[in-house]
Full PDB file with SEQRES, HELIX, SHEET, SSBOND, CRYST1, ORIGX, SCALE, CONECT and MASTER records, all heavy atoms in Angstrom:
SEQRES   1 A   41  CYS ARG THR ASN VAL LYS LYS HIS VAL LYS GLY THR GLY          
SEQRES   2 A   41  LYS PRO SER PHE ALA LEU LYS ASP ASP ASN PRO TYR GLN          
SEQRES   3 A   41  LEU VAL TYR ASP LEU GLN LYS LYS GLY TYR ARG VAL ILE          
SEQRES   4 A   41  ASN CYS                                                      
HELIX    1 AA1 PHE A   17  LEU A   19  5                                   3    
SHEET    1 AA1 2 TYR A  25  ASP A  30  0                                        
SHEET    2 AA1 2 GLY A  35  ASN A  40 -1                                        
CRYST1    1.000    1.000    1.000  90.00  90.00  90.00 P 1           1          
ORIGX1      1.000000  0.000000  0.000000        0.00000                         
ORIGX2      0.000000  1.000000  0.000000        0.00000                         
ORIGX3      0.000000  0.000000  1.000000        0.00000                         
SCALE1      1.000000  0.000000  0.000000        0.00000                         
SCALE2      0.000000  1.000000  0.000000        0.00000                         
SCALE3      0.000000  0.000000  1.000000        0.00000                         
ATOM      1  N   CYS A   1      -0.935  -8.418   7.723  1.00  0.00           N  
ATOM      2  CA  CYS A   1      -0.805  -7.881   6.373  1.00  0.00           C  
ATOM      3  C   CYS A   1       0.326  -8.495   5.671  1.00  0.00           C  
ATOM      4  O   CYS A   1       1.045  -9.322   6.175  1.00  0.00           O  
ATOM      5  CB  CYS A   1      -0.645  -6.370   6.452  1.00  0.00           C  
ATOM      6  SG  CYS A   1       0.691  -5.863   7.549  1.00  0.00           S  
ATOM      7  N   ARG A   2       0.485  -8.060   4.402  1.00  0.00           N  
ATOM      8  CA  ARG A   2       1.628  -8.428   3.578  1.00  0.00           C  
ATOM      9  C   ARG A   2       2.007  -7.259   2.654  1.00  0.00           C  
ATOM     10  O   ARG A   2       1.167  -6.420   2.391  1.00  0.00           O  
ATOM     11  CB  ARG A   2       1.363  -9.650   2.713  1.00  0.00           C  
ATOM     12  CG  ARG A   2       0.089 -10.252   2.609  1.00  0.00           C  
ATOM     13  CD  ARG A   2      -0.116 -11.401   1.748  1.00  0.00           C  
ATOM     14  NE  ARG A   2       0.881 -11.662   0.702  1.00  0.00           N  
ATOM     15  CZ  ARG A   2       0.722 -12.573  -0.246  1.00  0.00           C  
ATOM     16  NH1 ARG A   2      -0.390 -13.206  -0.299  1.00  0.00           N  
ATOM     17  NH2 ARG A   2       1.615 -12.741  -1.153  1.00  0.00           N  
ATOM     18  N   THR A   3       3.198  -7.303   2.172  1.00  0.00           N  
ATOM     19  CA  THR A   3       3.673  -6.276   1.233  1.00  0.00           C  
ATOM     20  C   THR A   3       3.638  -6.926  -0.176  1.00  0.00           C  
ATOM     21  O   THR A   3       3.437  -8.117  -0.328  1.00  0.00           O  
ATOM     22  CB  THR A   3       5.111  -5.825   1.583  1.00  0.00           C  
ATOM     23  OG1 THR A   3       5.926  -6.983   1.594  1.00  0.00           O  
ATOM     24  CG2 THR A   3       5.177  -5.142   2.878  1.00  0.00           C  
ATOM     25  N   ASN A   4       3.909  -6.124  -1.186  1.00  0.00           N  
ATOM     26  CA  ASN A   4       4.003  -6.553  -2.559  1.00  0.00           C  
ATOM     27  C   ASN A   4       2.772  -7.174  -3.118  1.00  0.00           C  
ATOM     28  O   ASN A   4       2.831  -8.102  -3.966  1.00  0.00           O  
ATOM     29  CB  ASN A   4       5.222  -7.517  -2.733  1.00  0.00           C  
ATOM     30  CG  ASN A   4       6.516  -6.840  -2.343  1.00  0.00           C  
ATOM     31  OD1 ASN A   4       6.692  -5.625  -2.461  1.00  0.00           O  
ATOM     32  ND2 ASN A   4       7.449  -7.643  -1.845  1.00  0.00           N  
ATOM     33  N   VAL A   5       1.591  -6.835  -2.651  1.00  0.00           N  
ATOM     34  CA  VAL A   5       0.346  -7.403  -3.211  1.00  0.00           C  
ATOM     35  C   VAL A   5      -0.080  -6.506  -4.425  1.00  0.00           C  
ATOM     36  O   VAL A   5      -0.091  -5.286  -4.351  1.00  0.00           O  
ATOM     37  CB  VAL A   5      -0.799  -7.347  -2.170  1.00  0.00           C  
ATOM     38  CG1 VAL A   5      -2.145  -7.804  -2.776  1.00  0.00           C  
ATOM     39  CG2 VAL A   5      -0.404  -8.251  -0.996  1.00  0.00           C  
ATOM     40  N   LYS A   6      -0.375  -7.167  -5.496  1.00  0.00           N  
ATOM     41  CA  LYS A   6      -0.747  -6.436  -6.743  1.00  0.00           C  
ATOM     42  C   LYS A   6      -2.200  -6.575  -7.135  1.00  0.00           C  
ATOM     43  O   LYS A   6      -2.739  -5.925  -7.962  1.00  0.00           O  
ATOM     44  CB  LYS A   6       0.126  -6.941  -7.926  1.00  0.00           C  
ATOM     45  CG  LYS A   6       1.570  -6.900  -7.721  1.00  0.00           C  
ATOM     46  CD  LYS A   6       2.066  -5.488  -7.581  1.00  0.00           C  
ATOM     47  CE  LYS A   6       3.626  -5.484  -7.478  1.00  0.00           C  
ATOM     48  NZ  LYS A   6       4.106  -4.411  -6.688  1.00  0.00           N  
ATOM     49  N   LYS A   7      -2.925  -7.481  -6.427  1.00  0.00           N  
ATOM     50  CA  LYS A   7      -4.340  -7.725  -6.713  1.00  0.00           C  
ATOM     51  C   LYS A   7      -5.186  -6.595  -6.063  1.00  0.00           C  
ATOM     52  O   LYS A   7      -4.757  -6.033  -5.084  1.00  0.00           O  
ATOM     53  CB  LYS A   7      -4.747  -9.075  -6.114  1.00  0.00           C  
ATOM     54  CG  LYS A   7      -5.996  -9.604  -6.708  1.00  0.00           C  
ATOM     55  CD  LYS A   7      -6.204 -11.052  -6.234  1.00  0.00           C  
ATOM     56  CE  LYS A   7      -7.403 -11.584  -6.937  1.00  0.00           C  
ATOM     57  NZ  LYS A   7      -7.595 -12.968  -6.566  1.00  0.00           N  
ATOM     58  N   HIS A   8      -6.328  -6.370  -6.636  1.00  0.00           N  
ATOM     59  CA  HIS A   8      -7.326  -5.384  -6.185  1.00  0.00           C  
ATOM     60  C   HIS A   8      -6.806  -3.955  -6.340  1.00  0.00           C  
ATOM     61  O   HIS A   8      -7.342  -3.065  -5.657  1.00  0.00           O  
ATOM     62  CB  HIS A   8      -7.662  -5.619  -4.715  1.00  0.00           C  
ATOM     63  CG  HIS A   8      -8.108  -7.049  -4.389  1.00  0.00           C  
ATOM     64  ND1 HIS A   8      -9.249  -7.576  -4.935  1.00  0.00           N  
ATOM     65  CD2 HIS A   8      -7.544  -7.990  -3.666  1.00  0.00           C  
ATOM     66  CE1 HIS A   8      -9.384  -8.828  -4.507  1.00  0.00           C  
ATOM     67  NE2 HIS A   8      -8.343  -9.087  -3.694  1.00  0.00           N  
ATOM     68  N   VAL A   9      -5.877  -3.705  -7.220  1.00  0.00           N  
ATOM     69  CA  VAL A   9      -5.461  -2.298  -7.484  1.00  0.00           C  
ATOM     70  C   VAL A   9      -6.483  -1.689  -8.399  1.00  0.00           C  
ATOM     71  O   VAL A   9      -6.880  -2.275  -9.426  1.00  0.00           O  
ATOM     72  CB  VAL A   9      -4.036  -2.356  -8.165  1.00  0.00           C  
ATOM     73  CG1 VAL A   9      -3.666  -0.915  -8.526  1.00  0.00           C  
ATOM     74  CG2 VAL A   9      -3.007  -2.919  -7.228  1.00  0.00           C  
ATOM     75  N   LYS A  10      -6.884  -0.529  -8.062  1.00  0.00           N  
ATOM     76  CA  LYS A  10      -8.001   0.154  -8.833  1.00  0.00           C  
ATOM     77  C   LYS A  10      -7.481   0.695 -10.177  1.00  0.00           C  
ATOM     78  O   LYS A  10      -8.246   0.991 -11.023  1.00  0.00           O  
ATOM     79  CB  LYS A  10      -8.615   1.251  -8.000  1.00  0.00           C  
ATOM     80  CG  LYS A  10      -9.391   0.689  -6.816  1.00  0.00           C  
ATOM     81  CD  LYS A  10     -10.072   1.776  -6.042  1.00  0.00           C  
ATOM     82  CE  LYS A  10     -10.863   1.170  -4.897  1.00  0.00           C  
ATOM     83  NZ  LYS A  10     -11.487   2.155  -4.098  1.00  0.00           N  
ATOM     84  N   GLY A  11      -6.185   0.958 -10.273  1.00  0.00           N  
ATOM     85  CA  GLY A  11      -5.666   1.415 -11.512  1.00  0.00           C  
ATOM     86  C   GLY A  11      -6.005   2.851 -11.866  1.00  0.00           C  
ATOM     87  O   GLY A  11      -6.354   3.166 -12.980  1.00  0.00           O  
ATOM     88  N   THR A  12      -5.904   3.747 -10.865  1.00  0.00           N  
ATOM     89  CA  THR A  12      -6.162   5.123 -11.100  1.00  0.00           C  
ATOM     90  C   THR A  12      -5.023   5.806 -11.867  1.00  0.00           C  
ATOM     91  O   THR A  12      -5.196   6.932 -12.282  1.00  0.00           O  
ATOM     92  CB  THR A  12      -6.401   5.863  -9.809  1.00  0.00           C  
ATOM     93  OG1 THR A  12      -5.257   5.769  -8.985  1.00  0.00           O  
ATOM     94  CG2 THR A  12      -7.620   5.301  -9.048  1.00  0.00           C  
ATOM     95  N   GLY A  13      -3.874   5.134 -11.964  1.00  0.00           N  
ATOM     96  CA  GLY A  13      -2.704   5.730 -12.637  1.00  0.00           C  
ATOM     97  C   GLY A  13      -1.848   6.537 -11.760  1.00  0.00           C  
ATOM     98  O   GLY A  13      -0.755   6.917 -12.125  1.00  0.00           O  
ATOM     99  N   LYS A  14      -2.322   6.853 -10.549  1.00  0.00           N  
ATOM    100  CA  LYS A  14      -1.545   7.624  -9.619  1.00  0.00           C  
ATOM    101  C   LYS A  14      -0.981   6.684  -8.556  1.00  0.00           C  
ATOM    102  O   LYS A  14      -1.731   6.109  -7.751  1.00  0.00           O  
ATOM    103  CB  LYS A  14      -2.445   8.694  -8.962  1.00  0.00           C  
ATOM    104  CG  LYS A  14      -1.723   9.594  -8.023  1.00  0.00           C  
ATOM    105  CD  LYS A  14      -2.711  10.606  -7.451  1.00  0.00           C  
ATOM    106  CE  LYS A  14      -2.021  11.450  -6.393  1.00  0.00           C  
ATOM    107  NZ  LYS A  14      -2.940  12.271  -5.685  1.00  0.00           N  
ATOM    108  N   PRO A  15       0.355   6.555  -8.480  1.00  0.00           N  
ATOM    109  CA  PRO A  15       0.966   5.664  -7.443  1.00  0.00           C  
ATOM    110  C   PRO A  15       0.747   6.277  -6.072  1.00  0.00           C  
ATOM    111  O   PRO A  15       0.680   7.491  -5.845  1.00  0.00           O  
ATOM    112  CB  PRO A  15       2.409   5.557  -7.794  1.00  0.00           C  
ATOM    113  CG  PRO A  15       2.677   6.751  -8.681  1.00  0.00           C  
ATOM    114  CD  PRO A  15       1.380   7.116  -9.320  1.00  0.00           C  
ATOM    115  N   SER A  16       0.731   5.344  -5.053  1.00  0.00           N  
ATOM    116  CA  SER A  16       0.598   5.797  -3.664  1.00  0.00           C  
ATOM    117  C   SER A  16       1.749   6.609  -3.189  1.00  0.00           C  
ATOM    118  O   SER A  16       2.937   6.292  -3.585  1.00  0.00           O  
ATOM    119  CB  SER A  16       0.399   4.541  -2.747  1.00  0.00           C  
ATOM    120  OG  SER A  16       0.399   4.942  -1.429  1.00  0.00           O  
ATOM    121  N   PHE A  17       1.540   7.576  -2.334  1.00  0.00           N  
ATOM    122  CA  PHE A  17       2.618   8.361  -1.785  1.00  0.00           C  
ATOM    123  C   PHE A  17       3.565   7.478  -0.898  1.00  0.00           C  
ATOM    124  O   PHE A  17       4.708   7.804  -0.647  1.00  0.00           O  
ATOM    125  CB  PHE A  17       2.052   9.492  -0.929  1.00  0.00           C  
ATOM    126  CG  PHE A  17       1.387   9.079   0.342  1.00  0.00           C  
ATOM    127  CD1 PHE A  17       2.043   9.024   1.540  1.00  0.00           C  
ATOM    128  CD2 PHE A  17       0.044   8.713   0.299  1.00  0.00           C  
ATOM    129  CE1 PHE A  17       1.465   8.594   2.712  1.00  0.00           C  
ATOM    130  CE2 PHE A  17      -0.591   8.323   1.469  1.00  0.00           C  
ATOM    131  CZ  PHE A  17       0.095   8.264   2.684  1.00  0.00           C  
ATOM    132  N   ALA A  18       3.019   6.374  -0.415  1.00  0.00           N  
ATOM    133  CA  ALA A  18       3.800   5.494   0.447  1.00  0.00           C  
ATOM    134  C   ALA A  18       4.872   4.701  -0.332  1.00  0.00           C  
ATOM    135  O   ALA A  18       5.751   4.109   0.281  1.00  0.00           O  
ATOM    136  CB  ALA A  18       2.871   4.488   1.122  1.00  0.00           C  
ATOM    137  N   LEU A  19       4.865   4.707  -1.619  1.00  0.00           N  
ATOM    138  CA  LEU A  19       5.805   4.045  -2.417  1.00  0.00           C  
ATOM    139  C   LEU A  19       7.118   4.815  -2.671  1.00  0.00           C  
ATOM    140  O   LEU A  19       8.089   4.266  -3.181  1.00  0.00           O  
ATOM    141  CB  LEU A  19       5.245   3.593  -3.797  1.00  0.00           C  
ATOM    142  CG  LEU A  19       4.058   2.628  -3.706  1.00  0.00           C  
ATOM    143  CD1 LEU A  19       3.472   2.397  -5.060  1.00  0.00           C  
ATOM    144  CD2 LEU A  19       4.494   1.330  -3.044  1.00  0.00           C  
ATOM    145  N   LYS A  20       7.151   6.041  -2.260  1.00  0.00           N  
ATOM    146  CA  LYS A  20       8.369   6.866  -2.388  1.00  0.00           C  
ATOM    147  C   LYS A  20       9.407   6.487  -1.346  1.00  0.00           C  
ATOM    148  O   LYS A  20       9.032   6.084  -0.224  1.00  0.00           O  
ATOM    149  CB  LYS A  20       8.030   8.347  -2.242  1.00  0.00           C  
ATOM    150  CG  LYS A  20       7.137   8.865  -3.346  1.00  0.00           C  
ATOM    151  CD  LYS A  20       6.832  10.347  -3.129  1.00  0.00           C  
ATOM    152  CE  LYS A  20       5.884  10.869  -4.213  1.00  0.00           C  
ATOM    153  NZ  LYS A  20       5.540  12.291  -3.959  1.00  0.00           N  
ATOM    154  N   ASP A  21      10.618   6.535  -1.684  1.00  0.00           N  
ATOM    155  CA  ASP A  21      11.706   6.119  -0.789  1.00  0.00           C  
ATOM    156  C   ASP A  21      12.011   7.111   0.301  1.00  0.00           C  
ATOM    157  O   ASP A  21      12.607   6.762   1.324  1.00  0.00           O  
ATOM    158  CB  ASP A  21      12.997   5.840  -1.610  1.00  0.00           C  
ATOM    159  CG  ASP A  21      12.866   4.578  -2.449  1.00  0.00           C  
ATOM    160  OD1 ASP A  21      12.055   3.730  -2.090  1.00  0.00           O  
ATOM    161  OD2 ASP A  21      13.533   4.544  -3.469  1.00  0.00           O  
ATOM    162  N   ASP A  22      11.674   8.348   0.151  1.00  0.00           N  
ATOM    163  CA  ASP A  22      12.077   9.403   1.098  1.00  0.00           C  
ATOM    164  C   ASP A  22      11.082   9.668   2.195  1.00  0.00           C  
ATOM    165  O   ASP A  22      11.124  10.740   2.822  1.00  0.00           O  
ATOM    166  CB  ASP A  22      12.378  10.694   0.344  1.00  0.00           C  
ATOM    167  CG  ASP A  22      11.168  11.207  -0.434  1.00  0.00           C  
ATOM    168  OD1 ASP A  22      10.225  10.421  -0.669  1.00  0.00           O  
ATOM    169  OD2 ASP A  22      11.176  12.407  -0.824  1.00  0.00           O  
ATOM    170  N   ASN A  23      10.178   8.762   2.415  1.00  0.00           N  
ATOM    171  CA  ASN A  23       9.177   8.981   3.488  1.00  0.00           C  
ATOM    172  C   ASN A  23       9.132   7.743   4.419  1.00  0.00           C  
ATOM    173  O   ASN A  23       9.647   6.684   4.058  1.00  0.00           O  
ATOM    174  CB  ASN A  23       7.824   9.307   2.971  1.00  0.00           C  
ATOM    175  CG  ASN A  23       7.196   8.192   2.178  1.00  0.00           C  
ATOM    176  OD1 ASN A  23       7.504   7.055   2.337  1.00  0.00           O  
ATOM    177  ND2 ASN A  23       6.292   8.553   1.263  1.00  0.00           N  
ATOM    178  N   PRO A  24       8.615   7.883   5.640  1.00  0.00           N  
ATOM    179  CA  PRO A  24       8.608   6.777   6.553  1.00  0.00           C  
ATOM    180  C   PRO A  24       7.371   5.826   6.433  1.00  0.00           C  
ATOM    181  O   PRO A  24       7.093   5.057   7.392  1.00  0.00           O  
ATOM    182  CB  PRO A  24       8.529   7.494   7.933  1.00  0.00           C  
ATOM    183  CG  PRO A  24       7.726   8.725   7.643  1.00  0.00           C  
ATOM    184  CD  PRO A  24       8.128   9.122   6.238  1.00  0.00           C  
ATOM    185  N   TYR A  25       6.734   5.867   5.308  1.00  0.00           N  
ATOM    186  CA  TYR A  25       5.482   5.059   5.182  1.00  0.00           C  
ATOM    187  C   TYR A  25       5.716   3.785   4.347  1.00  0.00           C  
ATOM    188  O   TYR A  25       6.571   3.758   3.478  1.00  0.00           O  
ATOM    189  CB  TYR A  25       4.382   5.893   4.475  1.00  0.00           C  
ATOM    190  CG  TYR A  25       4.067   7.149   5.242  1.00  0.00           C  
ATOM    191  CD1 TYR A  25       4.517   8.411   4.714  1.00  0.00           C  
ATOM    192  CD2 TYR A  25       3.415   7.125   6.457  1.00  0.00           C  
ATOM    193  CE1 TYR A  25       4.189   9.556   5.459  1.00  0.00           C  
ATOM    194  CE2 TYR A  25       3.109   8.279   7.171  1.00  0.00           C  
ATOM    195  CZ  TYR A  25       3.518   9.477   6.647  1.00  0.00           C  
ATOM    196  OH  TYR A  25       3.251  10.622   7.340  1.00  0.00           O  
ATOM    197  N   GLN A  26       4.914   2.760   4.658  1.00  0.00           N  
ATOM    198  CA  GLN A  26       5.015   1.504   3.991  1.00  0.00           C  
ATOM    199  C   GLN A  26       3.613   1.106   3.560  1.00  0.00           C  
ATOM    200  O   GLN A  26       2.708   1.037   4.431  1.00  0.00           O  
ATOM    201  CB  GLN A  26       5.655   0.470   4.834  1.00  0.00           C  
ATOM    202  CG  GLN A  26       5.781  -0.907   4.227  1.00  0.00           C  
ATOM    203  CD  GLN A  26       6.813  -0.916   3.086  1.00  0.00           C  
ATOM    204  OE1 GLN A  26       7.850  -0.305   3.244  1.00  0.00           O  
ATOM    205  NE2 GLN A  26       6.546  -1.660   2.049  1.00  0.00           N  
ATOM    206  N   LEU A  27       3.402   0.789   2.287  1.00  0.00           N  
ATOM    207  CA  LEU A  27       2.110   0.341   1.778  1.00  0.00           C  
ATOM    208  C   LEU A  27       1.992  -1.158   2.003  1.00  0.00           C  
ATOM    209  O   LEU A  27       2.878  -1.919   1.643  1.00  0.00           O  
ATOM    210  CB  LEU A  27       1.973   0.662   0.302  1.00  0.00           C  
ATOM    211  CG  LEU A  27       0.645   0.363  -0.357  1.00  0.00           C  
ATOM    212  CD1 LEU A  27      -0.458   1.179   0.215  1.00  0.00           C  
ATOM    213  CD2 LEU A  27       0.719   0.492  -1.856  1.00  0.00           C  
ATOM    214  N   VAL A  28       0.903  -1.630   2.629  1.00  0.00           N  
ATOM    215  CA  VAL A  28       0.669  -3.029   2.925  1.00  0.00           C  
ATOM    216  C   VAL A  28      -0.781  -3.370   2.563  1.00  0.00           C  
ATOM    217  O   VAL A  28      -1.645  -2.450   2.409  1.00  0.00           O  
ATOM    218  CB  VAL A  28       0.928  -3.363   4.415  1.00  0.00           C  
ATOM    219  CG1 VAL A  28       2.353  -3.143   4.781  1.00  0.00           C  
ATOM    220  CG2 VAL A  28      -0.002  -2.629   5.340  1.00  0.00           C  
ATOM    221  N   TYR A  29      -1.083  -4.635   2.428  1.00  0.00           N  
ATOM    222  CA  TYR A  29      -2.401  -5.117   2.194  1.00  0.00           C  
ATOM    223  C   TYR A  29      -2.927  -5.784   3.434  1.00  0.00           C  
ATOM    224  O   TYR A  29      -2.389  -6.700   3.975  1.00  0.00           O  
ATOM    225  CB  TYR A  29      -2.437  -6.117   1.013  1.00  0.00           C  
ATOM    226  CG  TYR A  29      -3.798  -6.581   0.628  1.00  0.00           C  
ATOM    227  CD1 TYR A  29      -4.604  -5.750  -0.161  1.00  0.00           C  
ATOM    228  CD2 TYR A  29      -4.350  -7.763   1.080  1.00  0.00           C  
ATOM    229  CE1 TYR A  29      -5.900  -6.125  -0.529  1.00  0.00           C  
ATOM    230  CE2 TYR A  29      -5.608  -8.167   0.730  1.00  0.00           C  
ATOM    231  CZ  TYR A  29      -6.380  -7.335  -0.074  1.00  0.00           C  
ATOM    232  OH  TYR A  29      -7.694  -7.683  -0.380  1.00  0.00           O  
ATOM    233  N   ASP A  30      -4.005  -5.202   3.994  1.00  0.00           N  
ATOM    234  CA  ASP A  30      -4.641  -5.697   5.206  1.00  0.00           C  
ATOM    235  C   ASP A  30      -5.465  -6.911   4.904  1.00  0.00           C  
ATOM    236  O   ASP A  30      -6.448  -6.837   4.149  1.00  0.00           O  
ATOM    237  CB  ASP A  30      -5.543  -4.560   5.788  1.00  0.00           C  
ATOM    238  CG  ASP A  30      -6.106  -4.918   7.181  1.00  0.00           C  
ATOM    239  OD1 ASP A  30      -6.112  -6.083   7.539  1.00  0.00           O  
ATOM    240  OD2 ASP A  30      -6.553  -3.977   7.877  1.00  0.00           O  
ATOM    241  N   LEU A  31      -5.098  -8.040   5.491  1.00  0.00           N  
ATOM    242  CA  LEU A  31      -5.758  -9.307   5.191  1.00  0.00           C  
ATOM    243  C   LEU A  31      -7.155  -9.440   5.874  1.00  0.00           C  
ATOM    244  O   LEU A  31      -7.977 -10.159   5.418  1.00  0.00           O  
ATOM    245  CB  LEU A  31      -4.883 -10.472   5.616  1.00  0.00           C  
ATOM    246  CG  LEU A  31      -3.569 -10.552   4.897  1.00  0.00           C  
ATOM    247  CD1 LEU A  31      -2.680 -11.625   5.535  1.00  0.00           C  
ATOM    248  CD2 LEU A  31      -3.796 -10.874   3.386  1.00  0.00           C  
ATOM    249  N   GLN A  32      -7.347  -8.645   6.929  1.00  0.00           N  
ATOM    250  CA  GLN A  32      -8.663  -8.726   7.608  1.00  0.00           C  
ATOM    251  C   GLN A  32      -9.683  -7.842   6.980  1.00  0.00           C  
ATOM    252  O   GLN A  32     -10.824  -8.238   6.768  1.00  0.00           O  
ATOM    253  CB  GLN A  32      -8.478  -8.332   9.083  1.00  0.00           C  
ATOM    254  CG  GLN A  32      -7.635  -9.301   9.838  1.00  0.00           C  
ATOM    255  CD  GLN A  32      -7.182  -8.790  11.185  1.00  0.00           C  
ATOM    256  OE1 GLN A  32      -6.927  -7.605  11.375  1.00  0.00           O  
ATOM    257  NE2 GLN A  32      -7.196  -9.705  12.180  1.00  0.00           N  
ATOM    258  N   LYS A  33      -9.327  -6.615   6.597  1.00  0.00           N  
ATOM    259  CA  LYS A  33     -10.220  -5.696   5.972  1.00  0.00           C  
ATOM    260  C   LYS A  33     -10.201  -5.734   4.450  1.00  0.00           C  
ATOM    261  O   LYS A  33     -10.958  -5.060   3.800  1.00  0.00           O  
ATOM    262  CB  LYS A  33      -9.919  -4.269   6.450  1.00  0.00           C  
ATOM    263  CG  LYS A  33     -10.145  -4.070   7.928  1.00  0.00           C  
ATOM    264  CD  LYS A  33     -10.002  -2.655   8.326  1.00  0.00           C  
ATOM    265  CE  LYS A  33     -10.315  -2.544   9.819  1.00  0.00           C  
ATOM    266  NZ  LYS A  33     -10.232  -1.156  10.273  1.00  0.00           N  
ATOM    267  N   LYS A  34      -9.313  -6.567   3.885  1.00  0.00           N  
ATOM    268  CA  LYS A  34      -9.139  -6.781   2.473  1.00  0.00           C  
ATOM    269  C   LYS A  34      -8.978  -5.483   1.738  1.00  0.00           C  
ATOM    270  O   LYS A  34      -9.800  -5.146   0.782  1.00  0.00           O  
ATOM    271  CB  LYS A  34     -10.366  -7.613   1.921  1.00  0.00           C  
ATOM    272  CG  LYS A  34     -10.378  -9.031   2.525  1.00  0.00           C  
ATOM    273  CD  LYS A  34     -11.498  -9.772   1.947  1.00  0.00           C  
ATOM    274  CE  LYS A  34     -11.463 -11.218   2.280  1.00  0.00           C  
ATOM    275  NZ  LYS A  34     -11.556 -11.704   3.586  1.00  0.00           N  
ATOM    276  N   GLY A  35      -8.033  -4.704   2.121  1.00  0.00           N  
ATOM    277  CA  GLY A  35      -7.772  -3.472   1.423  1.00  0.00           C  
ATOM    278  C   GLY A  35      -6.328  -2.980   1.768  1.00  0.00           C  
ATOM    279  O   GLY A  35      -5.697  -3.496   2.668  1.00  0.00           O  
ATOM    280  N   TYR A  36      -5.931  -2.001   0.957  1.00  0.00           N  
ATOM    281  CA  TYR A  36      -4.601  -1.429   1.208  1.00  0.00           C  
ATOM    282  C   TYR A  36      -4.615  -0.440   2.363  1.00  0.00           C  
ATOM    283  O   TYR A  36      -5.548   0.339   2.532  1.00  0.00           O  
ATOM    284  CB  TYR A  36      -4.090  -0.740  -0.076  1.00  0.00           C  
ATOM    285  CG  TYR A  36      -3.809  -1.737  -1.175  1.00  0.00           C  
ATOM    286  CD1 TYR A  36      -4.785  -2.078  -2.117  1.00  0.00           C  
ATOM    287  CD2 TYR A  36      -2.610  -2.370  -1.270  1.00  0.00           C  
ATOM    288  CE1 TYR A  36      -4.516  -3.000  -3.100  1.00  0.00           C  
ATOM    289  CE2 TYR A  36      -2.290  -3.284  -2.239  1.00  0.00           C  
ATOM    290  CZ  TYR A  36      -3.250  -3.634  -3.151  1.00  0.00           C  
ATOM    291  OH  TYR A  36      -3.036  -4.523  -4.107  1.00  0.00           O  
ATOM    292  N   ARG A  37      -3.570  -0.481   3.146  1.00  0.00           N  
ATOM    293  CA  ARG A  37      -3.367   0.424   4.268  1.00  0.00           C  
ATOM    294  C   ARG A  37      -1.912   0.942   4.266  1.00  0.00           C  
ATOM    295  O   ARG A  37      -1.035   0.329   3.604  1.00  0.00           O  
ATOM    296  CB  ARG A  37      -3.586  -0.232   5.606  1.00  0.00           C  
ATOM    297  CG  ARG A  37      -4.986  -0.852   5.736  1.00  0.00           C  
ATOM    298  CD  ARG A  37      -6.034   0.266   5.846  1.00  0.00           C  
ATOM    299  NE  ARG A  37      -7.358  -0.282   6.110  1.00  0.00           N  
ATOM    300  CZ  ARG A  37      -8.269  -0.519   5.137  1.00  0.00           C  
ATOM    301  NH1 ARG A  37      -7.956  -0.286   3.887  1.00  0.00           N  
ATOM    302  NH2 ARG A  37      -9.457  -1.007   5.430  1.00  0.00           N  
ATOM    303  N   VAL A  38      -1.647   2.025   4.940  1.00  0.00           N  
ATOM    304  CA  VAL A  38      -0.319   2.609   5.018  1.00  0.00           C  
ATOM    305  C   VAL A  38       0.112   2.590   6.481  1.00  0.00           C  
ATOM    306  O   VAL A  38      -0.619   3.020   7.367  1.00  0.00           O  
ATOM    307  CB  VAL A  38      -0.331   4.038   4.480  1.00  0.00           C  
ATOM    308  CG1 VAL A  38       1.027   4.707   4.682  1.00  0.00           C  
ATOM    309  CG2 VAL A  38      -0.701   4.082   3.006  1.00  0.00           C  
ATOM    310  N   ILE A  39       1.317   2.041   6.709  1.00  0.00           N  
ATOM    311  CA  ILE A  39       1.863   1.981   8.076  1.00  0.00           C  
ATOM    312  C   ILE A  39       2.901   3.064   8.179  1.00  0.00           C  
ATOM    313  O   ILE A  39       3.825   3.142   7.342  1.00  0.00           O  
ATOM    314  CB  ILE A  39       2.497   0.648   8.390  1.00  0.00           C  
ATOM    315  CG1 ILE A  39       1.423  -0.444   8.404  1.00  0.00           C  
ATOM    316  CG2 ILE A  39       3.277   0.630   9.636  1.00  0.00           C  
ATOM    317  CD1 ILE A  39       2.010  -1.869   8.545  1.00  0.00           C  
ATOM    318  N   ASN A  40       2.872   3.892   9.210  1.00  0.00           N  
ATOM    319  CA  ASN A  40       3.869   4.855   9.470  1.00  0.00           C  
ATOM    320  C   ASN A  40       4.992   4.172  10.245  1.00  0.00           C  
ATOM    321  O   ASN A  40       4.811   3.773  11.418  1.00  0.00           O  
ATOM    322  CB  ASN A  40       3.307   6.027  10.271  1.00  0.00           C  
ATOM    323  CG  ASN A  40       4.296   7.136  10.486  1.00  0.00           C  
ATOM    324  OD1 ASN A  40       5.488   7.002  10.265  1.00  0.00           O  
ATOM    325  ND2 ASN A  40       3.828   8.273  10.908  1.00  0.00           N  
ATOM    326  N   CYS A  41       6.171   4.012   9.695  1.00  0.00           N  
ATOM    327  CA  CYS A  41       7.255   3.311  10.330  1.00  0.00           C  
ATOM    328  C   CYS A  41       7.836   4.080  11.528  1.00  0.00           C  
ATOM    329  O   CYS A  41       8.453   3.472  12.365  1.00  0.00           O  
ATOM    330  CB  CYS A  41       8.334   3.006   9.310  1.00  0.00           C  
ATOM    331  SG  CYS A  41       7.819   1.815   8.041  1.00  0.00           S  
TER     332      CYS A  41                                                      
MASTER        0    0    0    1    2    0    0    6  331    1    0    4          
END                                                                             
């Protein structure tokens, strides 16, 4: 995967819960499944 991917965003207007600083989650883009996933750190 990679972080900081902006392509393929659906634009629902609601940011992912993984983008908050106070949680152990990291939003990544899965290169094999071609979609966003959340990793629990």
